[in-house]
C-alpha cells in the first residue's frame, strides 16, 4: 500500500516534534565534578528537575551543557543560612575556595 507524500511528511513532522518535546526535560551536555584534578563523577544529559548529588566532595565543576547550574555545599541542594549557592554559567568551570568548602550537589538554574 502506497502512502501519499503529504501524509508521509506529516508523520515525519509529528515524530520530530515528539522527539524534541521528550528532550525538553533534560539538559543537553555533560557536567563533571573533580577533586584536586581527579574526576569524581560526570552527569550526561541530567534532568532539569530536582537535585543531583555528587558521590564525593568536589572542588571543581566543569559545566559543558546548554544550561547554567547552581552548586551547593550541601548534599540536598539547600543553602545554609547566610551561605548562598554558587551560580555557574553554561559552558564554564569554577573552583571552590577554602572559605566555602567543597560542593556536594547541584541543580539546573531556572531559565
C-alpha atoms as a PDB file:
ATOM      1  CA  UNK A   1       0.000   0.000   0.000  1.00  0.00           C
ATOM      2  CA  UNK A   2       1.409   3.369  -1.013  1.00  0.00           C
ATOM      3  CA  UNK A   3       1.331   6.325   1.354  1.00  0.00           C
ATOM      4  CA  UNK A   4       0.837   9.793  -0.095  1.00  0.00           C
ATOM      5  CA  UNK A   5       3.715  12.250   0.196  1.00  0.00           C
ATOM      6  CA  UNK A   6       1.774  14.805   2.255  1.00  0.00           C
ATOM      7  CA  UNK A   7       0.766  12.099   4.734  1.00  0.00           C
ATOM      8  CA  UNK A   8       4.359  10.828   4.989  1.00  0.00           C
ATOM      9  CA  UNK A   9       5.651  14.376   5.543  1.00  0.00           C
ATOM     10  CA  UNK A  10       3.042  14.980   8.247  1.00  0.00           C
ATOM     11  CA  UNK A  11       4.059  11.767  10.009  1.00  0.00           C
ATOM     12  CA  UNK A  12       7.738  12.824   9.964  1.00  0.00           C
ATOM     13  CA  UNK A  13       6.918  16.248  11.408  1.00  0.00           C
ATOM     14  CA  UNK A  14       4.805  14.682  14.176  1.00  0.00           C
ATOM     15  CA  UNK A  15       7.574  12.242  15.129  1.00  0.00           C
ATOM     16  CA  UNK A  16      10.191  15.006  15.142  1.00  0.00           C
ATOM     17  CA  UNK A  17       8.014  17.152  17.414  1.00  0.00           C
ATOM     18  CA  UNK A  18       7.532  14.271  19.830  1.00  0.00           C
ATOM     19  CA  UNK A  19      11.291  13.704  19.965  1.00  0.00           C
ATOM     20  CA  UNK A  20      12.003  17.362  20.705  1.00  0.00           C
ATOM     21  CA  UNK A  21       9.334  17.501  23.394  1.00  0.00           C
ATOM     22  CA  UNK A  22      10.885  14.499  25.120  1.00  0.00           C
ATOM     23  CA  UNK A  23      14.285  16.254  25.315  1.00  0.00           C
ATOM     24  CA  UNK A  24      12.954  19.387  26.991  1.00  0.00           C
ATOM     25  CA  UNK A  25      13.019  17.828  30.466  1.00  0.00           C
ATOM     26  CA  UNK A  26      16.774  17.328  30.416  1.00  0.00           C
ATOM     27  CA  UNK A  27      19.887  19.413  29.976  1.00  0.00           C
ATOM     28  CA  UNK A  28      21.965  18.541  26.918  1.00  0.00           C
ATOM     29  CA  UNK A  29      25.670  18.076  27.651  1.00  0.00           C
ATOM     30  CA  UNK A  30      27.938  16.957  30.473  1.00  0.00           C
ATOM     31  CA  UNK A  31      28.625  18.239  33.987  1.00  0.00           C
ATOM     32  CA  UNK A  32      31.809  16.897  35.589  1.00  0.00           C
ATOM     33  CA  UNK A  33      32.861  17.192  39.212  1.00  0.00           C
ATOM     34  CA  UNK A  34      36.546  16.910  40.126  1.00  0.00           C
ATOM     35  CA  UNK A  35      38.531  16.843  43.345  1.00  0.00           C
ATOM     36  CA  UNK A  36      42.072  18.161  43.050  1.00  0.00           C
ATOM     37  CA  UNK A  37      42.078  17.484  39.312  1.00  0.00           C
ATOM     38  CA  UNK A  38      40.863  13.907  39.809  1.00  0.00           C
ATOM     39  CA  UNK A  39      37.472  13.143  38.174  1.00  0.00           C
ATOM     40  CA  UNK A  40      34.827  12.248  40.765  1.00  0.00           C
ATOM     41  CA  UNK A  41      31.632  11.970  38.716  1.00  0.00           C
ATOM     42  CA  UNK A  42      30.096  13.024  35.402  1.00  0.00           C
ATOM     43  CA  UNK A  43      26.444  13.610  34.600  1.00  0.00           C
ATOM     44  CA  UNK A  44      25.459  13.350  30.934  1.00  0.00           C
ATOM     45  CA  UNK A  45      22.166  14.981  29.922  1.00  0.00           C
ATOM     46  CA  UNK A  46      20.921  15.386  33.528  1.00  0.00           C
ATOM     47  CA  UNK A  47      17.272  16.069  34.268  1.00  0.00           C
ATOM     48  CA  UNK A  48      16.218  19.708  34.591  1.00  0.00           C
ATOM     49  CA  UNK A  49      14.256  18.780  37.711  1.00  0.00           C
ATOM     50  CA  UNK A  50      15.472  18.023  41.196  1.00  0.00           C
ATOM     51  CA  UNK A  51      18.776  17.846  42.973  1.00  0.00           C
ATOM     52  CA  UNK A  52      21.819  15.982  41.631  1.00  0.00           C
ATOM     53  CA  UNK A  53      24.222  14.723  44.288  1.00  0.00           C
ATOM     54  CA  UNK A  54      27.923  14.136  43.696  1.00  0.00           C
ATOM     55  CA  UNK A  55      29.098  10.786  45.096  1.00  0.00           C
ATOM     56  CA  UNK A  56      32.020  12.587  46.794  1.00  0.00           C
ATOM     57  CA  UNK A  57      33.001  16.192  47.557  1.00  0.00           C
ATOM     58  CA  UNK A  58      34.181  18.160  44.517  1.00  0.00           C
ATOM     59  CA  UNK A  59      36.403  21.223  44.342  1.00  0.00           C
ATOM     60  CA  UNK A  60      35.968  21.940  40.624  1.00  0.00           C
ATOM     61  CA  UNK A  61      32.967  21.684  38.308  1.00  0.00           C
ATOM     62  CA  UNK A  62      33.024  21.812  34.504  1.00  0.00           C
ATOM     63  CA  UNK A  63      29.617  22.647  33.038  1.00  0.00           C
ATOM     64  CA  UNK A  64      29.574  21.784  29.344  1.00  0.00           C
ATOM     65  CA  UNK A  65      25.808  21.982  28.907  1.00  0.00           C
ATOM     66  CA  UNK A  66      23.314  24.390  27.387  1.00  0.00           C
ATOM     67  CA  UNK A  67      22.090  25.458  30.856  1.00  0.00           C
ATOM     68  CA  UNK A  68      23.502  27.278  33.859  1.00  0.00           C
ATOM     69  CA  UNK A  69      23.637  25.417  37.164  1.00  0.00           C
ATOM     70  CA  UNK A  70      23.598  26.175  40.893  1.00  0.00           C
ATOM     71  CA  UNK A  71      26.246  24.485  43.066  1.00  0.00           C
ATOM     72  CA  UNK A  72      25.608  23.709  46.736  1.00  0.00           C
ATOM     73  CA  UNK A  73      27.791  22.817  49.715  1.00  0.00           C
ATOM     74  CA  UNK A  74      25.039  20.526  50.988  1.00  0.00           C
ATOM     75  CA  UNK A  75      24.074  17.118  49.554  1.00  0.00           C
ATOM     76  CA  UNK A  76      20.404  18.113  49.196  1.00  0.00           C
ATOM     77  CA  UNK A  77      20.669  21.388  47.216  1.00  0.00           C
ATOM     78  CA  UNK A  78      19.824  23.570  50.191  1.00  0.00           C
ATOM     79  CA  UNK A  79      21.616  26.718  51.256  1.00  0.00           C
ATOM     80  CA  UNK A  80      22.532  27.073  54.941  1.00  0.00           C
ATOM     81  CA  UNK A  81      21.588  30.424  56.456  1.00  0.00           C
ATOM     82  CA  UNK A  82      23.978  33.105  55.242  1.00  0.00           C
ATOM     83  CA  UNK A  83      25.654  30.801  52.676  1.00  0.00           C
ATOM     84  CA  UNK A  84      24.453  31.281  49.079  1.00  0.00           C
ATOM     85  CA  UNK A  85      24.677  28.744  46.275  1.00  0.00           C
ATOM     86  CA  UNK A  86      27.233  29.283  43.506  1.00  0.00           C
ATOM     87  CA  UNK A  87      25.954  30.152  40.021  1.00  0.00           C
ATOM     88  CA  UNK A  88      27.906  28.533  37.182  1.00  0.00           C
ATOM     89  CA  UNK A  89      27.109  29.690  33.672  1.00  0.00           C
ATOM     90  CA  UNK A  90      26.751  27.261  30.772  1.00  0.00           C
ATOM     91  CA  UNK A  91      29.989  26.214  29.079  1.00  0.00           C
ATOM     92  CA  UNK A  92      32.004  27.295  32.123  1.00  0.00           C
ATOM     93  CA  UNK A  93      34.116  25.995  35.002  1.00  0.00           C
ATOM     94  CA  UNK A  94      34.569  27.051  38.603  1.00  0.00           C
ATOM     95  CA  UNK A  95      36.723  26.037  41.557  1.00  0.00           C
ATOM     96  CA  UNK A  96      35.661  26.061  45.189  1.00  0.00           C
ATOM     97  CA  UNK A  97      37.579  28.329  47.527  1.00  0.00           C
ATOM     98  CA  UNK A  98      38.725  27.308  51.001  1.00  0.00           C
ATOM     99  CA  UNK A  99      36.289  29.695  52.646  1.00  0.00           C
ATOM    100  CA  UNK A 100      33.263  27.945  51.166  1.00  0.00           C
ATOM    101  CA  UNK A 101      34.463  24.365  51.093  1.00  0.00           C
ATOM    102  CA  UNK A 102      33.652  21.676  48.531  1.00  0.00           C
ATOM    103  CA  UNK A 103      30.417  21.268  46.619  1.00  0.00           C
ATOM    104  CA  UNK A 104      28.200  18.258  47.223  1.00  0.00           C
ATOM    105  CA  UNK A 105      25.257  18.799  44.843  1.00  0.00           C
ATOM    106  CA  UNK A 106      23.848  20.880  42.004  1.00  0.00           C
ATOM    107  CA  UNK A 107      20.583  21.783  40.330  1.00  0.00           C
ATOM    108  CA  UNK A 108      19.754  23.282  36.956  1.00  0.00           C
ATOM    109  CA  UNK A 109      19.243  27.056  37.250  1.00  0.00           C
ATOM    110  CA  UNK A 110      15.812  28.358  36.255  1.00  0.00           C
ATOM    111  CA  UNK A 111      15.733  29.847  32.761  1.00  0.00           C
END
